[in-house]
Amino acid sequence: MSRRSVVKDDRGYLVDVVGALRTDRLLLTEQDAARLRATLARASLESMASADARGENAVELLATALRSAIVVPPDRIPAEVVTMRSRLVLEDVASGARREVVLVYPEEERTHEGHVSVLSPVGVALLGLSEGALVGWPLPSGRTAVLQVESVQYQPEAVEEFHL
């Protein structure tokens, strides 16, 4: 049985918030799946040594997503799907504000450059989304901004950069 958490955004739409377990199957490339499993193994060991509940939640979310993922060769992933190291534009549904982010592995994260770690709740939620999909983004105020994946500006697989 999966847990789902739904909130109303500023416009009254019901959306899944980050932190809910995925109920759809994640589409991943073979290379991303292998690297994410290794990242997950390292993160699981690290989270056992710390008391970071938020990190443990993201590790649990990623583990759940990986267990049910559909894994495909890199040349078979659609260009509009968010993969690791994809650069995408997110639009705030309420305000229309846009932000560009890059989905990265934890060791590559530089938040001032718009990087989002796959081991954050938002990163797990972005992984495998397609253009047009909605995602909840928790704000420091406790509210959740609802963002839409406006476009995938760069996806390594779409330009045949399989070595990244």
N, C-alpha and C. Protein backbone atom coordinates (compact mmCIF):
# COMPACT_ATOMS: atom_id res chain seq x y z
N MET A 1 0.84 -1.17 0.00
CA MET A 1 0.00 0.00 0.00
C MET A 1 0.88 1.24 0.00
N SER A 2 0.64 2.16 -0.91
CA SER A 2 1.47 3.35 -0.99
C SER A 2 0.86 4.50 -0.20
N ARG A 3 1.74 5.37 0.33
CA ARG A 3 1.28 6.56 1.02
C ARG A 3 1.22 7.68 0.01
N ARG A 4 0.15 8.47 0.06
CA ARG A 4 0.03 9.63 -0.81
C ARG A 4 -0.34 10.81 0.05
N SER A 5 0.17 11.94 -0.30
CA SER A 5 -0.14 13.17 0.41
C SER A 5 -0.54 14.20 -0.63
N VAL A 6 -1.69 14.78 -0.46
CA VAL A 6 -2.21 15.73 -1.43
C VAL A 6 -2.50 17.05 -0.74
N VAL A 7 -2.16 18.16 -1.40
CA VAL A 7 -2.46 19.49 -0.88
C VAL A 7 -3.13 20.30 -1.97
N LYS A 8 -3.77 21.38 -1.55
CA LYS A 8 -4.31 22.33 -2.52
C LYS A 8 -3.26 23.40 -2.74
N ASP A 9 -3.02 23.73 -4.01
CA ASP A 9 -2.10 24.82 -4.30
C ASP A 9 -2.84 26.15 -4.15
N ASP A 10 -2.15 27.26 -4.49
CA ASP A 10 -2.73 28.58 -4.33
C ASP A 10 -3.96 28.80 -5.21
N ARG A 11 -4.12 28.01 -6.25
CA ARG A 11 -5.26 28.15 -7.14
C ARG A 11 -6.38 27.16 -6.81
N GLY A 12 -6.16 26.32 -5.80
CA GLY A 12 -7.17 25.36 -5.41
C GLY A 12 -7.06 24.00 -6.06
N TYR A 13 -6.01 23.79 -6.88
CA TYR A 13 -5.81 22.49 -7.51
C TYR A 13 -5.24 21.51 -6.50
N LEU A 14 -5.65 20.25 -6.58
CA LEU A 14 -5.08 19.21 -5.73
C LEU A 14 -3.86 18.64 -6.42
N VAL A 15 -2.74 18.58 -5.69
CA VAL A 15 -1.51 18.03 -6.26
C VAL A 15 -0.81 17.17 -5.23
N ASP A 16 -0.06 16.17 -5.71
CA ASP A 16 0.78 15.37 -4.83
C ASP A 16 1.93 16.24 -4.37
N VAL A 17 2.29 16.13 -3.11
CA VAL A 17 3.41 16.89 -2.61
C VAL A 17 4.65 16.02 -2.59
N VAL A 18 5.79 16.69 -2.58
CA VAL A 18 7.06 15.98 -2.48
C VAL A 18 7.05 15.23 -1.16
N GLY A 19 7.49 14.01 -1.18
CA GLY A 19 7.50 13.19 0.02
C GLY A 19 6.50 12.07 -0.08
N ALA A 20 5.55 12.20 -0.98
CA ALA A 20 4.61 11.10 -1.19
C ALA A 20 5.33 10.03 -1.99
N LEU A 21 5.04 8.78 -1.71
CA LEU A 21 5.66 7.71 -2.48
C LEU A 21 5.05 7.69 -3.87
N ARG A 22 5.88 7.48 -4.87
CA ARG A 22 5.40 7.46 -6.24
C ARG A 22 4.45 6.29 -6.44
N THR A 23 3.40 6.53 -7.20
CA THR A 23 2.52 5.43 -7.55
C THR A 23 2.67 5.07 -9.02
N ASP A 24 3.33 5.94 -9.78
CA ASP A 24 3.61 5.62 -11.17
C ASP A 24 4.99 4.97 -11.23
N ARG A 25 5.28 4.32 -12.33
CA ARG A 25 6.59 3.66 -12.46
C ARG A 25 7.57 4.62 -13.10
N LEU A 26 8.70 4.72 -12.50
CA LEU A 26 9.77 5.61 -12.93
C LEU A 26 10.44 5.04 -14.16
N LEU A 27 10.70 5.87 -15.15
CA LEU A 27 11.42 5.47 -16.36
C LEU A 27 12.85 5.94 -16.21
N LEU A 28 13.80 5.01 -16.24
CA LEU A 28 15.22 5.30 -16.03
C LEU A 28 16.08 4.66 -17.11
N THR A 29 17.24 5.28 -17.35
CA THR A 29 18.20 4.64 -18.24
C THR A 29 18.99 3.60 -17.44
N GLU A 30 19.58 2.66 -18.15
CA GLU A 30 20.40 1.63 -17.49
C GLU A 30 21.53 2.27 -16.69
N GLN A 31 22.18 3.27 -17.28
CA GLN A 31 23.31 3.93 -16.63
C GLN A 31 22.86 4.68 -15.37
N ASP A 32 21.77 5.43 -15.47
CA ASP A 32 21.26 6.14 -14.29
C ASP A 32 20.86 5.16 -13.20
N ALA A 33 20.20 4.07 -13.57
CA ALA A 33 19.77 3.08 -12.58
C ALA A 33 20.96 2.51 -11.82
N ALA A 34 22.02 2.15 -12.54
CA ALA A 34 23.22 1.59 -11.89
C ALA A 34 23.87 2.61 -10.96
N ARG A 35 24.02 3.84 -11.44
CA ARG A 35 24.65 4.88 -10.61
C ARG A 35 23.78 5.23 -9.41
N LEU A 36 22.48 5.27 -9.61
CA LEU A 36 21.58 5.59 -8.50
C LEU A 36 21.58 4.49 -7.45
N ARG A 37 21.69 3.24 -7.87
CA ARG A 37 21.77 2.14 -6.88
C ARG A 37 23.04 2.28 -6.05
N ALA A 38 24.16 2.64 -6.70
CA ALA A 38 25.41 2.84 -5.97
C ALA A 38 25.29 4.04 -5.03
N THR A 39 24.68 5.12 -5.50
CA THR A 39 24.46 6.31 -4.67
C THR A 39 23.58 5.96 -3.48
N LEU A 40 22.56 5.18 -3.72
CA LEU A 40 21.64 4.77 -2.67
C LEU A 40 22.35 3.92 -1.62
N ALA A 41 23.22 3.02 -2.06
CA ALA A 41 23.96 2.18 -1.12
C ALA A 41 24.85 3.04 -0.22
N ARG A 42 25.55 4.02 -0.82
CA ARG A 42 26.39 4.92 -0.02
C ARG A 42 25.53 5.75 0.94
N ALA A 43 24.42 6.27 0.44
CA ALA A 43 23.55 7.12 1.26
C ALA A 43 22.93 6.33 2.40
N SER A 44 22.59 5.08 2.17
CA SER A 44 22.00 4.25 3.22
C SER A 44 23.00 4.05 4.35
N LEU A 45 24.26 3.81 4.00
CA LEU A 45 25.30 3.66 5.01
C LEU A 45 25.50 4.95 5.78
N GLU A 46 25.52 6.08 5.06
CA GLU A 46 25.72 7.37 5.71
C GLU A 46 24.54 7.73 6.61
N SER A 47 23.32 7.43 6.17
CA SER A 47 22.15 7.79 6.98
C SER A 47 22.05 6.94 8.24
N MET A 48 22.61 5.74 8.21
CA MET A 48 22.63 4.92 9.42
C MET A 48 23.54 5.54 10.46
N ALA A 49 24.55 6.29 10.01
CA ALA A 49 25.50 6.90 10.93
C ALA A 49 25.06 8.28 11.40
N SER A 50 23.99 8.83 10.82
CA SER A 50 23.51 10.15 11.22
C SER A 50 22.04 10.08 11.59
N ALA A 51 21.55 11.16 12.13
CA ALA A 51 20.14 11.21 12.54
C ALA A 51 19.34 12.14 11.63
N ASP A 52 19.75 12.30 10.39
CA ASP A 52 19.08 13.20 9.46
C ASP A 52 17.82 12.54 8.91
N ALA A 53 16.69 12.80 9.53
CA ALA A 53 15.43 12.17 9.12
C ALA A 53 15.05 12.57 7.71
N ARG A 54 15.32 13.82 7.32
CA ARG A 54 14.98 14.26 5.96
C ARG A 54 15.76 13.46 4.93
N GLY A 55 17.05 13.24 5.19
CA GLY A 55 17.87 12.44 4.28
C GLY A 55 17.40 11.01 4.20
N GLU A 56 17.01 10.45 5.35
CA GLU A 56 16.50 9.08 5.36
C GLU A 56 15.22 8.99 4.54
N ASN A 57 14.36 10.00 4.63
CA ASN A 57 13.12 10.01 3.87
C ASN A 57 13.42 10.00 2.38
N ALA A 58 14.37 10.82 1.94
CA ALA A 58 14.72 10.87 0.52
C ALA A 58 15.33 9.54 0.08
N VAL A 59 16.15 8.93 0.93
CA VAL A 59 16.73 7.63 0.62
C VAL A 59 15.62 6.60 0.45
N GLU A 60 14.64 6.62 1.35
CA GLU A 60 13.50 5.70 1.26
C GLU A 60 12.70 5.94 -0.02
N LEU A 61 12.47 7.21 -0.35
CA LEU A 61 11.72 7.54 -1.57
C LEU A 61 12.44 7.04 -2.81
N LEU A 62 13.77 7.26 -2.86
CA LEU A 62 14.54 6.82 -4.02
C LEU A 62 14.56 5.30 -4.10
N ALA A 63 14.73 4.64 -2.97
CA ALA A 63 14.74 3.16 -2.96
C ALA A 63 13.42 2.61 -3.48
N THR A 64 12.32 3.21 -3.05
CA THR A 64 11.00 2.77 -3.51
C THR A 64 10.86 2.97 -5.01
N ALA A 65 11.29 4.14 -5.49
CA ALA A 65 11.20 4.43 -6.92
C ALA A 65 12.05 3.47 -7.75
N LEU A 66 13.26 3.17 -7.28
CA LEU A 66 14.15 2.27 -8.01
C LEU A 66 13.61 0.85 -8.08
N ARG A 67 12.96 0.41 -7.01
CA ARG A 67 12.43 -0.96 -7.00
C ARG A 67 11.40 -1.20 -8.10
N SER A 68 10.63 -0.18 -8.42
CA SER A 68 9.58 -0.37 -9.43
C SER A 68 9.91 0.29 -10.77
N ALA A 69 11.11 0.79 -10.92
CA ALA A 69 11.48 1.53 -12.14
C ALA A 69 11.48 0.64 -13.38
N ILE A 70 11.13 1.25 -14.49
CA ILE A 70 11.28 0.62 -15.80
C ILE A 70 12.63 1.10 -16.32
N VAL A 71 13.55 0.18 -16.55
CA VAL A 71 14.91 0.53 -16.97
C VAL A 71 15.05 0.25 -18.45
N VAL A 72 15.53 1.27 -19.18
CA VAL A 72 15.65 1.16 -20.63
C VAL A 72 17.06 1.57 -21.06
N PRO A 73 17.50 1.13 -22.24
CA PRO A 73 18.78 1.61 -22.77
C PRO A 73 18.73 3.13 -22.94
N PRO A 74 19.86 3.81 -22.82
CA PRO A 74 19.85 5.27 -22.88
C PRO A 74 19.30 5.86 -24.19
N ASP A 75 19.45 5.13 -25.27
CA ASP A 75 18.94 5.66 -26.54
C ASP A 75 17.43 5.46 -26.70
N ARG A 76 16.78 4.86 -25.70
CA ARG A 76 15.33 4.61 -25.76
C ARG A 76 14.53 5.54 -24.84
N ILE A 77 15.21 6.42 -24.11
CA ILE A 77 14.49 7.30 -23.19
C ILE A 77 14.00 8.53 -23.96
N PRO A 78 12.74 8.90 -23.84
CA PRO A 78 12.24 10.08 -24.54
C PRO A 78 12.97 11.36 -24.10
N ALA A 79 13.20 12.27 -25.01
CA ALA A 79 13.95 13.50 -24.75
C ALA A 79 13.27 14.42 -23.74
N GLU A 80 11.96 14.26 -23.54
CA GLU A 80 11.24 15.15 -22.61
C GLU A 80 11.17 14.60 -21.19
N VAL A 81 11.88 13.49 -20.92
CA VAL A 81 11.90 12.89 -19.59
C VAL A 81 13.14 13.38 -18.83
N VAL A 82 12.96 13.74 -17.56
CA VAL A 82 14.06 14.21 -16.72
C VAL A 82 14.91 13.01 -16.31
N THR A 83 16.18 13.03 -16.72
CA THR A 83 17.15 12.02 -16.31
C THR A 83 18.22 12.72 -15.48
N MET A 84 19.16 11.96 -14.97
CA MET A 84 20.25 12.57 -14.20
C MET A 84 21.03 13.53 -15.09
N ARG A 85 21.37 14.66 -14.49
CA ARG A 85 22.11 15.76 -15.13
C ARG A 85 21.30 16.50 -16.19
N SER A 86 19.98 16.27 -16.19
CA SER A 86 19.11 17.05 -17.08
C SER A 86 18.99 18.47 -16.53
N ARG A 87 18.91 19.44 -17.45
CA ARG A 87 18.64 20.83 -17.09
C ARG A 87 17.20 21.12 -17.51
N LEU A 88 16.40 21.59 -16.58
CA LEU A 88 15.00 21.82 -16.87
C LEU A 88 14.53 23.16 -16.35
N VAL A 89 13.44 23.64 -16.94
CA VAL A 89 12.81 24.88 -16.50
C VAL A 89 11.52 24.52 -15.78
N LEU A 90 11.41 25.02 -14.54
CA LEU A 90 10.21 24.82 -13.74
C LEU A 90 9.47 26.14 -13.64
N GLU A 91 8.15 26.08 -13.77
CA GLU A 91 7.33 27.29 -13.65
C GLU A 91 6.40 27.15 -12.45
N ASP A 92 6.41 28.17 -11.59
CA ASP A 92 5.50 28.21 -10.44
C ASP A 92 4.09 28.42 -10.98
N VAL A 93 3.21 27.47 -10.69
CA VAL A 93 1.85 27.50 -11.23
C VAL A 93 1.10 28.75 -10.75
N ALA A 94 1.33 29.18 -9.51
CA ALA A 94 0.60 30.31 -8.94
C ALA A 94 1.13 31.65 -9.44
N SER A 95 2.45 31.82 -9.47
CA SER A 95 3.02 33.14 -9.79
C SER A 95 3.52 33.27 -11.22
N GLY A 96 3.77 32.16 -11.88
CA GLY A 96 4.34 32.22 -13.22
C GLY A 96 5.86 32.38 -13.22
N ALA A 97 6.46 32.50 -12.03
CA ALA A 97 7.92 32.63 -11.93
C ALA A 97 8.58 31.35 -12.43
N ARG A 98 9.71 31.53 -13.10
CA ARG A 98 10.44 30.37 -13.64
C ARG A 98 11.80 30.25 -12.98
N ARG A 99 12.25 29.01 -12.88
CA ARG A 99 13.61 28.75 -12.40
C ARG A 99 14.18 27.59 -13.18
N GLU A 100 15.47 27.67 -13.42
CA GLU A 100 16.17 26.60 -14.13
C GLU A 100 16.94 25.79 -13.09
N VAL A 101 16.81 24.47 -13.16
CA VAL A 101 17.51 23.60 -12.23
C VAL A 101 18.17 22.46 -13.01
N VAL A 102 19.16 21.86 -12.37
CA VAL A 102 19.84 20.69 -12.92
C VAL A 102 19.75 19.58 -11.88
N LEU A 103 19.29 18.41 -12.27
CA LEU A 103 19.20 17.27 -11.36
C LEU A 103 20.56 16.58 -11.31
N VAL A 104 21.16 16.52 -10.12
CA VAL A 104 22.53 16.02 -9.98
C VAL A 104 22.64 14.97 -8.88
N TYR A 105 23.78 14.28 -8.89
CA TYR A 105 24.12 13.37 -7.80
C TYR A 105 24.53 14.22 -6.59
N PRO A 106 24.41 13.68 -5.37
CA PRO A 106 24.66 14.48 -4.16
C PRO A 106 26.03 15.16 -4.15
N GLU A 107 27.05 14.48 -4.61
CA GLU A 107 28.40 15.06 -4.58
C GLU A 107 28.58 16.20 -5.58
N GLU A 108 27.66 16.36 -6.50
CA GLU A 108 27.74 17.43 -7.51
C GLU A 108 26.89 18.64 -7.15
N GLU A 109 26.15 18.56 -6.05
CA GLU A 109 25.17 19.61 -5.72
C GLU A 109 25.84 20.92 -5.36
N ARG A 110 25.39 21.97 -6.03
CA ARG A 110 25.78 23.34 -5.74
C ARG A 110 24.50 24.17 -5.86
N THR A 111 23.84 24.38 -4.73
CA THR A 111 22.51 25.01 -4.77
C THR A 111 22.54 26.41 -5.37
N HIS A 112 23.65 27.12 -5.22
CA HIS A 112 23.72 28.47 -5.79
C HIS A 112 23.77 28.43 -7.32
N GLU A 113 24.02 27.28 -7.89
CA GLU A 113 24.04 27.12 -9.34
C GLU A 113 22.76 26.45 -9.84
N GLY A 114 21.77 26.31 -8.98
CA GLY A 114 20.51 25.70 -9.38
C GLY A 114 20.52 24.19 -9.40
N HIS A 115 21.52 23.59 -8.77
CA HIS A 115 21.58 22.13 -8.72
C HIS A 115 20.61 21.60 -7.66
N VAL A 116 19.96 20.50 -7.97
CA VAL A 116 19.07 19.82 -7.03
C VAL A 116 19.55 18.38 -6.92
N SER A 117 19.89 17.97 -5.71
CA SER A 117 20.37 16.61 -5.49
C SER A 117 19.24 15.60 -5.63
N VAL A 118 19.56 14.49 -6.26
CA VAL A 118 18.58 13.40 -6.38
C VAL A 118 18.27 12.80 -5.01
N LEU A 119 19.10 13.07 -4.01
CA LEU A 119 18.83 12.58 -2.66
C LEU A 119 18.08 13.60 -1.81
N SER A 120 17.46 14.57 -2.45
CA SER A 120 16.53 15.46 -1.75
C SER A 120 15.13 15.03 -2.14
N PRO A 121 14.13 15.32 -1.31
CA PRO A 121 12.77 14.95 -1.70
C PRO A 121 12.36 15.54 -3.05
N VAL A 122 12.76 16.79 -3.32
CA VAL A 122 12.43 17.40 -4.61
C VAL A 122 13.15 16.69 -5.75
N GLY A 123 14.42 16.33 -5.54
CA GLY A 123 15.18 15.63 -6.57
C GLY A 123 14.57 14.29 -6.93
N VAL A 124 14.15 13.54 -5.91
CA VAL A 124 13.49 12.25 -6.16
C VAL A 124 12.21 12.48 -6.96
N ALA A 125 11.47 13.52 -6.59
CA ALA A 125 10.21 13.80 -7.28
C ALA A 125 10.42 14.20 -8.74
N LEU A 126 11.51 14.92 -9.03
CA LEU A 126 11.78 15.35 -10.41
C LEU A 126 12.22 14.21 -11.31
N LEU A 127 12.94 13.25 -10.76
CA LEU A 127 13.50 12.16 -11.55
C LEU A 127 12.41 11.41 -12.31
N GLY A 128 12.54 11.35 -13.61
CA GLY A 128 11.61 10.60 -14.44
C GLY A 128 10.36 11.35 -14.85
N LEU A 129 10.19 12.60 -14.38
CA LEU A 129 9.02 13.37 -14.80
C LEU A 129 9.16 13.78 -16.26
N SER A 130 8.04 14.05 -16.89
CA SER A 130 8.03 14.53 -18.27
C SER A 130 7.59 15.98 -18.30
N GLU A 131 7.86 16.63 -19.40
CA GLU A 131 7.40 18.00 -19.59
C GLU A 131 5.89 18.05 -19.35
N GLY A 132 5.46 19.07 -18.63
CA GLY A 132 4.05 19.24 -18.31
C GLY A 132 3.65 18.69 -16.95
N ALA A 133 4.48 17.84 -16.35
CA ALA A 133 4.16 17.25 -15.05
C ALA A 133 4.28 18.29 -13.93
N LEU A 134 3.53 18.07 -12.85
CA LEU A 134 3.55 18.95 -11.69
C LEU A 134 4.35 18.31 -10.56
N VAL A 135 5.01 19.17 -9.77
CA VAL A 135 5.76 18.70 -8.61
C VAL A 135 5.58 19.71 -7.49
N GLY A 136 5.49 19.22 -6.25
CA GLY A 136 5.43 20.11 -5.09
C GLY A 136 6.83 20.46 -4.64
N TRP A 137 7.05 21.73 -4.28
CA TRP A 137 8.36 22.20 -3.83
C TRP A 137 8.16 22.84 -2.47
N PRO A 138 8.62 22.19 -1.38
CA PRO A 138 8.43 22.74 -0.04
C PRO A 138 9.20 24.06 0.13
N LEU A 139 8.54 25.05 0.69
CA LEU A 139 9.15 26.36 0.93
C LEU A 139 9.51 26.50 2.40
N PRO A 140 10.48 27.37 2.71
CA PRO A 140 10.86 27.57 4.12
C PRO A 140 9.68 28.00 5.00
N SER A 141 8.70 28.65 4.41
CA SER A 141 7.53 29.11 5.17
C SER A 141 6.62 27.96 5.60
N GLY A 142 6.86 26.77 5.07
CA GLY A 142 6.00 25.63 5.36
C GLY A 142 4.98 25.38 4.26
N ARG A 143 4.79 26.34 3.38
CA ARG A 143 3.89 26.16 2.24
C ARG A 143 4.57 25.28 1.20
N THR A 144 3.78 24.82 0.25
CA THR A 144 4.32 24.04 -0.86
C THR A 144 4.00 24.77 -2.15
N ALA A 145 5.03 25.14 -2.89
CA ALA A 145 4.83 25.74 -4.21
C ALA A 145 4.59 24.60 -5.19
N VAL A 146 3.67 24.80 -6.10
CA VAL A 146 3.41 23.80 -7.12
C VAL A 146 4.08 24.27 -8.40
N LEU A 147 5.01 23.47 -8.88
CA LEU A 147 5.78 23.81 -10.07
C LEU A 147 5.47 22.83 -11.19
N GLN A 148 5.50 23.35 -12.40
CA GLN A 148 5.29 22.51 -13.58
C GLN A 148 6.61 22.41 -14.34
N VAL A 149 6.92 21.21 -14.80
CA VAL A 149 8.10 21.03 -15.66
C VAL A 149 7.73 21.64 -17.01
N GLU A 150 8.21 22.86 -17.22
CA GLU A 150 7.88 23.56 -18.46
C GLU A 150 8.62 22.95 -19.64
N SER A 151 9.91 22.69 -19.43
CA SER A 151 10.69 22.09 -20.53
C SER A 151 11.95 21.44 -19.99
N VAL A 152 12.41 20.44 -20.71
CA VAL A 152 13.71 19.83 -20.45
C VAL A 152 14.64 20.46 -21.47
N GLN A 153 15.49 21.38 -20.99
CA GLN A 153 16.38 22.14 -21.87
C GLN A 153 17.55 21.30 -22.37
N TYR A 154 18.01 20.41 -21.50
CA TYR A 154 19.16 19.56 -21.85
C TYR A 154 18.97 18.22 -21.16
N GLN A 155 19.11 17.18 -21.92
CA GLN A 155 19.10 15.82 -21.38
C GLN A 155 20.29 15.12 -22.03
N PRO A 156 21.23 14.60 -21.24
CA PRO A 156 22.43 13.99 -21.82
C PRO A 156 22.12 12.94 -22.89
N GLU A 157 21.14 12.11 -22.64
CA GLU A 157 20.83 11.02 -23.58
C GLU A 157 20.31 11.56 -24.91
N ALA A 158 19.60 12.68 -24.89
CA ALA A 158 19.04 13.24 -26.12
C ALA A 158 20.12 13.72 -27.08
N VAL A 159 21.29 14.08 -26.52
CA VAL A 159 22.40 14.52 -27.37
C VAL A 159 23.51 13.46 -27.40
N GLU A 160 23.13 12.24 -27.05
CA GLU A 160 24.01 11.07 -27.10
C GLU A 160 25.27 11.24 -26.26
N GLU A 161 25.13 11.89 -25.11
CA GLU A 161 26.24 11.99 -24.16
C GLU A 161 26.02 10.93 -23.08
N PHE A 162 26.35 9.71 -23.43
CA PHE A 162 26.09 8.57 -22.55
C PHE A 162 27.19 8.37 -21.52
N HIS A 163 28.30 9.06 -21.64
CA HIS A 163 29.44 8.87 -20.75
C HIS A 163 29.34 9.67 -19.46
N LEU A 164 28.41 10.60 -19.36
CA LEU A 164 28.31 11.46 -18.16
C LEU A 164 27.88 10.68 -16.94
